[in-house]
Amino acid sequence: MSDQYEDIIDLPRPVSTKHPRMSMEDRAAQFAPFAALTGHGDAIRETAREVAEREEQGYEKQKA
């Protein structure tokens, strides 16, 4: 299996004549995190706020 690529392993990397080289910034942007679920973070924050509010109301009722 290791000799399967011996004929090409030391060849130089091909350079495209049709497509210019991509900048490092553009390459990095391809792998940057993205919001696949838009609004998901907002929904989580809203739920956390509601839970905190209910817990606070429950605490105030216990004090009274």
PDB file of N, CA and C in Angstrom:
ATOM      1  N   MET A   1       0.818  -1.196   0.000  1.00  0.00           N
ATOM      2  CA  MET A   1       0.000   0.000   0.000  1.00  0.00           C
ATOM      3  C   MET A   1       0.863   1.261   0.000  1.00  0.00           C
ATOM      4  N   SER A   2       1.990   1.273   0.695  1.00  0.00           N
ATOM      5  CA  SER A   2       2.814   2.479   0.759  1.00  0.00           C
ATOM      6  C   SER A   2       3.473   2.793  -0.588  1.00  0.00           C
ATOM      7  N   ASP A   3       3.756   1.768  -1.445  1.00  0.00           N
ATOM      8  CA  ASP A   3       4.372   2.067  -2.736  1.00  0.00           C
ATOM      9  C   ASP A   3       3.337   2.456  -3.786  1.00  0.00           C
ATOM     10  N   GLN A   4       2.087   2.521  -3.412  1.00  0.00           N
ATOM     11  CA  GLN A   4       1.028   2.867  -4.363  1.00  0.00           C
ATOM     12  C   GLN A   4       1.230   4.284  -4.935  1.00  0.00           C
ATOM     13  N   TYR A   5       1.802   5.199  -4.162  1.00  0.00           N
ATOM     14  CA  TYR A   5       1.946   6.583  -4.601  1.00  0.00           C
ATOM     15  C   TYR A   5       3.408   7.012  -4.759  1.00  0.00           C
ATOM     16  N   GLU A   6       4.310   6.074  -4.758  1.00  0.00           N
ATOM     17  CA  GLU A   6       5.729   6.424  -4.847  1.00  0.00           C
ATOM     18  C   GLU A   6       6.071   7.197  -6.107  1.00  0.00           C
ATOM     19  N   ASP A   7       5.357   6.977  -7.188  1.00  0.00           N
ATOM     20  CA  ASP A   7       5.669   7.673  -8.435  1.00  0.00           C
ATOM     21  C   ASP A   7       5.252   9.144  -8.401  1.00  0.00           C
ATOM     22  N   ILE A   8       4.364   9.535  -7.496  1.00  0.00           N
ATOM     23  CA  ILE A   8       3.903  10.930  -7.469  1.00  0.00           C
ATOM     24  C   ILE A   8       4.228  11.655  -6.157  1.00  0.00           C
ATOM     25  N   ILE A   9       4.730  10.948  -5.182  1.00  0.00           N
ATOM     26  CA  ILE A   9       4.884  11.531  -3.848  1.00  0.00           C
ATOM     27  C   ILE A   9       5.832  12.728  -3.829  1.00  0.00           C
ATOM     28  N   ASP A  10       6.848  12.752  -4.674  1.00  0.00           N
ATOM     29  CA  ASP A  10       7.820  13.849  -4.661  1.00  0.00           C
ATOM     30  C   ASP A  10       7.595  14.869  -5.769  1.00  0.00           C
ATOM     31  N   LEU A  11       6.492  14.787  -6.471  1.00  0.00           N
ATOM     32  CA  LEU A  11       6.202  15.763  -7.524  1.00  0.00           C
ATOM     33  C   LEU A  11       5.810  17.099  -6.896  1.00  0.00           C
ATOM     34  N   PRO A  12       6.086  18.217  -7.585  1.00  0.00           N
ATOM     35  CA  PRO A  12       5.675  19.521  -7.043  1.00  0.00           C
ATOM     36  C   PRO A  12       4.148  19.652  -7.072  1.00  0.00           C
ATOM     37  N   ARG A  13       3.665  20.470  -6.202  1.00  0.00           N
ATOM     38  CA  ARG A  13       2.219  20.690  -6.124  1.00  0.00           C
ATOM     39  C   ARG A  13       1.739  21.406  -7.382  1.00  0.00           C
ATOM     40  N   PRO A  14       0.643  20.969  -7.973  1.00  0.00           N
ATOM     41  CA  PRO A  14       0.148  21.628  -9.187  1.00  0.00           C
ATOM     42  C   PRO A  14      -0.348  23.047  -8.887  1.00  0.00           C
ATOM     43  N   VAL A  15      -0.133  23.954  -9.834  1.00  0.00           N
ATOM     44  CA  VAL A  15      -0.582  25.337  -9.697  1.00  0.00           C
ATOM     45  C   VAL A  15      -1.562  25.603 -10.835  1.00  0.00           C
ATOM     46  N   SER A  16      -2.720  26.094 -10.499  1.00  0.00           N
ATOM     47  CA  SER A  16      -3.747  26.348 -11.503  1.00  0.00           C
ATOM     48  C   SER A  16      -3.397  27.573 -12.339  1.00  0.00           C
ATOM     49  N   THR A  17      -3.645  27.461 -13.625  1.00  0.00           N
ATOM     50  CA  THR A  17      -3.456  28.611 -14.509  1.00  0.00           C
ATOM     51  C   THR A  17      -4.775  29.364 -14.688  1.00  0.00           C
ATOM     52  N   LYS A  18      -5.893  28.747 -14.276  1.00  0.00           N
ATOM     53  CA  LYS A  18      -7.216  29.366 -14.443  1.00  0.00           C
ATOM     54  C   LYS A  18      -7.683  30.120 -13.204  1.00  0.00           C
ATOM     55  N   HIS A  19      -7.313  29.639 -12.041  1.00  0.00           N
ATOM     56  CA  HIS A  19      -7.805  30.218 -10.797  1.00  0.00           C
ATOM     57  C   HIS A  19      -6.661  30.827  -9.998  1.00  0.00           C
ATOM     58  N   PRO A  20      -6.779  32.104  -9.634  1.00  0.00           N
ATOM     59  CA  PRO A  20      -5.717  32.706  -8.822  1.00  0.00           C
ATOM     60  C   PRO A  20      -5.697  32.098  -7.428  1.00  0.00           C
ATOM     61  N   ARG A  21      -4.560  32.177  -6.781  1.00  0.00           N
ATOM     62  CA  ARG A  21      -4.415  31.645  -5.422  1.00  0.00           C
ATOM     63  C   ARG A  21      -5.299  32.421  -4.461  1.00  0.00           C
ATOM     64  N   MET A  22      -5.970  31.712  -3.576  1.00  0.00           N
ATOM     65  CA  MET A  22      -6.859  32.348  -2.604  1.00  0.00           C
ATOM     66  C   MET A  22      -6.037  32.931  -1.461  1.00  0.00           C
ATOM     67  N   SER A  23      -6.433  34.112  -0.988  1.00  0.00           N
ATOM     68  CA  SER A  23      -5.714  34.728   0.127  1.00  0.00           C
ATOM     69  C   SER A  23      -5.932  33.912   1.398  1.00  0.00           C
ATOM     70  N   MET A  24      -5.030  34.079   2.349  1.00  0.00           N
ATOM     71  CA  MET A  24      -5.150  33.357   3.623  1.00  0.00           C
ATOM     72  C   MET A  24      -6.438  33.760   4.349  1.00  0.00           C
ATOM     73  N   GLU A  25      -6.816  35.034   4.246  1.00  0.00           N
ATOM     74  CA  GLU A  25      -8.040  35.506   4.903  1.00  0.00           C
ATOM     75  C   GLU A  25      -9.269  34.815   4.314  1.00  0.00           C
ATOM     76  N   ASP A  26      -9.309  34.714   2.985  1.00  0.00           N
ATOM     77  CA  ASP A  26     -10.449  34.050   2.336  1.00  0.00           C
ATOM     78  C   ASP A  26     -10.491  32.562   2.668  1.00  0.00           C
ATOM     79  N   ARG A  27      -9.315  31.935   2.729  1.00  0.00           N
ATOM     80  CA  ARG A  27      -9.271  30.516   3.088  1.00  0.00           C
ATOM     81  C   ARG A  27      -9.765  30.311   4.516  1.00  0.00           C
ATOM     82  N   ALA A  28      -9.331  31.186   5.424  1.00  0.00           N
ATOM     83  CA  ALA A  28      -9.743  31.080   6.826  1.00  0.00           C
ATOM     84  C   ALA A  28     -11.243  31.287   6.954  1.00  0.00           C
ATOM     85  N   ALA A  29     -11.806  32.186   6.166  1.00  0.00           N
ATOM     86  CA  ALA A  29     -13.243  32.476   6.239  1.00  0.00           C
ATOM     87  C   ALA A  29     -14.074  31.253   5.863  1.00  0.00           C
ATOM     88  N   GLN A  30     -13.544  30.393   5.025  1.00  0.00           N
ATOM     89  CA  GLN A  30     -14.275  29.187   4.647  1.00  0.00           C
ATOM     90  C   GLN A  30     -14.490  28.259   5.827  1.00  0.00           C
ATOM     91  N   PHE A  31     -13.577  28.302   6.785  1.00  0.00           N
ATOM     92  CA  PHE A  31     -13.648  27.387   7.908  1.00  0.00           C
ATOM     93  C   PHE A  31     -14.105  28.070   9.192  1.00  0.00           C
ATOM     94  N   ALA A  32     -14.447  29.334   9.108  1.00  0.00           N
ATOM     95  CA  ALA A  32     -14.907  30.067  10.291  1.00  0.00           C
ATOM     96  C   ALA A  32     -16.274  29.537  10.724  1.00  0.00           C
ATOM     97  N   PRO A  33     -16.575  29.597  12.002  1.00  0.00           N
ATOM     98  CA  PRO A  33     -17.883  29.142  12.462  1.00  0.00           C
ATOM     99  C   PRO A  33     -18.988  30.003  11.860  1.00  0.00           C
ATOM    100  N   PHE A  34     -20.136  29.422  11.686  1.00  0.00           N
ATOM    101  CA  PHE A  34     -21.272  30.158  11.144  1.00  0.00           C
ATOM    102  C   PHE A  34     -22.507  29.807  11.945  1.00  0.00           C
ATOM    103  N   ALA A  35     -23.509  30.655  11.864  1.00  0.00           N
ATOM    104  CA  ALA A  35     -24.753  30.434  12.603  1.00  0.00           C
ATOM    105  C   ALA A  35     -25.699  29.608  11.734  1.00  0.00           C
ATOM    106  N   ALA A  36     -25.607  28.314  11.854  1.00  0.00           N
ATOM    107  CA  ALA A  36     -26.461  27.430  11.062  1.00  0.00           C
ATOM    108  C   ALA A  36     -27.915  27.563  11.499  1.00  0.00           C
ATOM    109  N   LEU A  37     -28.111  27.820  12.766  1.00  0.00           N
ATOM    110  CA  LEU A  37     -29.466  27.973  13.295  1.00  0.00           C
ATOM    111  C   LEU A  37     -29.646  29.422  13.721  1.00  0.00           C
ATOM    112  N   THR A  38     -30.045  30.263  12.775  1.00  0.00           N
ATOM    113  CA  THR A  38     -30.207  31.670  13.105  1.00  0.00           C
ATOM    114  C   THR A  38     -31.305  31.834  14.139  1.00  0.00           C
ATOM    115  N   GLY A  39     -31.019  32.632  15.136  1.00  0.00           N
ATOM    116  CA  GLY A  39     -31.983  32.873  16.195  1.00  0.00           C
ATOM    117  C   GLY A  39     -31.901  31.879  17.337  1.00  0.00           C
ATOM    118  N   HIS A  40     -31.128  30.826  17.184  1.00  0.00           N
ATOM    119  CA  HIS A  40     -31.038  29.796  18.218  1.00  0.00           C
ATOM    120  C   HIS A  40     -30.430  30.370  19.497  1.00  0.00           C
ATOM    121  N   GLY A  41     -29.373  31.148  19.356  1.00  0.00           N
ATOM    122  CA  GLY A  41     -28.740  31.764  20.520  1.00  0.00           C
ATOM    123  C   GLY A  41     -29.696  32.698  21.244  1.00  0.00           C
ATOM    124  N   ASP A  42     -30.472  33.460  20.474  1.00  0.00           N
ATOM    125  CA  ASP A  42     -31.462  34.363  21.080  1.00  0.00           C
ATOM    126  C   ASP A  42     -32.522  33.577  21.846  1.00  0.00           C
ATOM    127  N   ALA A  43     -32.954  32.464  21.294  1.00  0.00           N
ATOM    128  CA  ALA A  43     -33.967  31.634  21.959  1.00  0.00           C
ATOM    129  C   ALA A  43     -33.434  31.064  23.265  1.00  0.00           C
ATOM    130  N   ILE A  44     -32.183  30.660  23.273  1.00  0.00           N
ATOM    131  CA  ILE A  44     -31.572  30.123  24.493  1.00  0.00           C
ATOM    132  C   ILE A  44     -31.486  31.210  25.559  1.00  0.00           C
ATOM    133  N   ARG A  45     -31.034  32.413  25.142  1.00  0.00           N
ATOM    134  CA  ARG A  45     -30.934  33.519  26.103  1.00  0.00           C
ATOM    135  C   ARG A  45     -32.304  33.887  26.667  1.00  0.00           C
ATOM    136  N   GLU A  46     -33.326  33.894  25.831  1.00  0.00           N
ATOM    137  CA  GLU A  46     -34.675  34.233  26.285  1.00  0.00           C
ATOM    138  C   GLU A  46     -35.191  33.185  27.271  1.00  0.00           C
ATOM    139  N   THR A  47     -34.954  31.922  26.982  1.00  0.00           N
ATOM    140  CA  THR A  47     -35.368  30.857  27.903  1.00  0.00           C
ATOM    141  C   THR A  47     -34.640  30.992  29.233  1.00  0.00           C
ATOM    142  N   ALA A  48     -33.352  31.281  29.189  1.00  0.00           N
ATOM    143  CA  ALA A  48     -32.586  31.463  30.420  1.00  0.00           C
ATOM    144  C   ALA A  48     -33.130  32.641  31.221  1.00  0.00           C
ATOM    145  N   ARG A  49     -33.499  33.713  30.540  1.00  0.00           N
ATOM    146  CA  ARG A  49     -34.061  34.882  31.216  1.00  0.00           C
ATOM    147  C   ARG A  49     -35.385  34.529  31.881  1.00  0.00           C
ATOM    148  N   GLU A  50     -36.229  33.793  31.167  1.00  0.00           N
ATOM    149  CA  GLU A  50     -37.534  33.400  31.722  1.00  0.00           C
ATOM    150  C   GLU A  50     -37.367  32.494  32.938  1.00  0.00           C
ATOM    151  N   VAL A  51     -36.451  31.565  32.863  1.00  0.00           N
ATOM    152  CA  VAL A  51     -36.213  30.656  33.985  1.00  0.00           C
ATOM    153  C   VAL A  51     -35.705  31.433  35.197  1.00  0.00           C
ATOM    154  N   ALA A  52     -34.772  32.339  34.956  1.00  0.00           N
ATOM    155  CA  ALA A  52     -34.238  33.149  36.051  1.00  0.00           C
ATOM    156  C   ALA A  52     -35.342  33.992  36.677  1.00  0.00           C
ATOM    157  N   GLU A  53     -36.217  34.532  35.848  1.00  0.00           N
ATOM    158  CA  GLU A  53     -37.335  35.346  36.342  1.00  0.00           C
ATOM    159  C   GLU A  53     -38.276  34.503  37.206  1.00  0.00           C
ATOM    160  N   ARG A  54     -38.595  33.285  36.740  1.00  0.00           N
ATOM    161  CA  ARG A  54     -39.472  32.393  37.524  1.00  0.00           C
ATOM    162  C   ARG A  54     -38.821  32.001  38.843  1.00  0.00           C
ATOM    163  N   GLU A  55     -37.526  31.725  38.804  1.00  0.00           N
ATOM    164  CA  GLU A  55     -36.821  31.366  40.034  1.00  0.00           C
ATOM    165  C   GLU A  55     -36.835  32.529  41.010  1.00  0.00           C
ATOM    166  N   GLU A  56     -36.659  33.730  40.507  1.00  0.00           N
ATOM    167  CA  GLU A  56     -36.674  34.916  41.358  1.00  0.00           C
ATOM    168  C   GLU A  56     -38.054  35.120  41.972  1.00  0.00           C
ATOM    169  N   GLN A  57     -39.101  34.911  41.177  1.00  0.00           N
ATOM    170  CA  GLN A  57     -40.470  35.053  41.696  1.00  0.00           C
ATOM    171  C   GLN A  57     -40.749  33.993  42.754  1.00  0.00           C
ATOM    172  N   GLY A  58     -40.275  32.789  42.550  1.00  0.00           N
ATOM    173  CA  GLY A  58     -40.449  31.712  43.525  1.00  0.00           C
ATOM    174  C   GLY A  58     -39.725  32.026  44.827  1.00  0.00           C
ATOM    175  N   TYR A  59     -38.555  32.637  44.711  1.00  0.00           N
ATOM    176  CA  TYR A  59     -37.774  32.998  45.902  1.00  0.00           C
ATOM    177  C   TYR A  59     -38.500  34.084  46.676  1.00  0.00           C
ATOM    178  N   GLU A  60     -39.084  35.058  45.939  1.00  0.00           N
ATOM    179  CA  GLU A  60     -39.810  36.141  46.612  1.00  0.00           C
ATOM    180  C   GLU A  60     -41.050  35.612  47.310  1.00  0.00           C
ATOM    181  N   LYS A  61     -41.735  34.624  46.729  1.00  0.00           N
ATOM    182  CA  LYS A  61     -42.922  34.048  47.369  1.00  0.00           C
ATOM    183  C   LYS A  61     -42.541  33.310  48.639  1.00  0.00           C
ATOM    184  N   GLN A  62     -41.392  32.657  48.646  1.00  0.00           N
ATOM    185  CA  GLN A  62     -40.936  31.922  49.834  1.00  0.00           C
ATOM    186  C   GLN A  62     -40.606  32.882  50.960  1.00  0.00           C
ATOM    187  N   LYS A  63     -40.105  34.061  50.639  1.00  0.00           N
ATOM    188  CA  LYS A  63     -39.749  35.038  51.665  1.00  0.00           C
ATOM    189  C   LYS A  63     -40.999  35.612  52.332  1.00  0.00           C
ATOM    190  N   ALA A  64     -42.087  35.731  51.606  1.00  0.00           N
ATOM    191  CA  ALA A  64     -43.299  36.400  52.116  1.00  0.00           C
ATOM    192  C   ALA A  64     -44.076  35.536  53.066  1.00  0.00           C
TER     193      ALA A  64
END
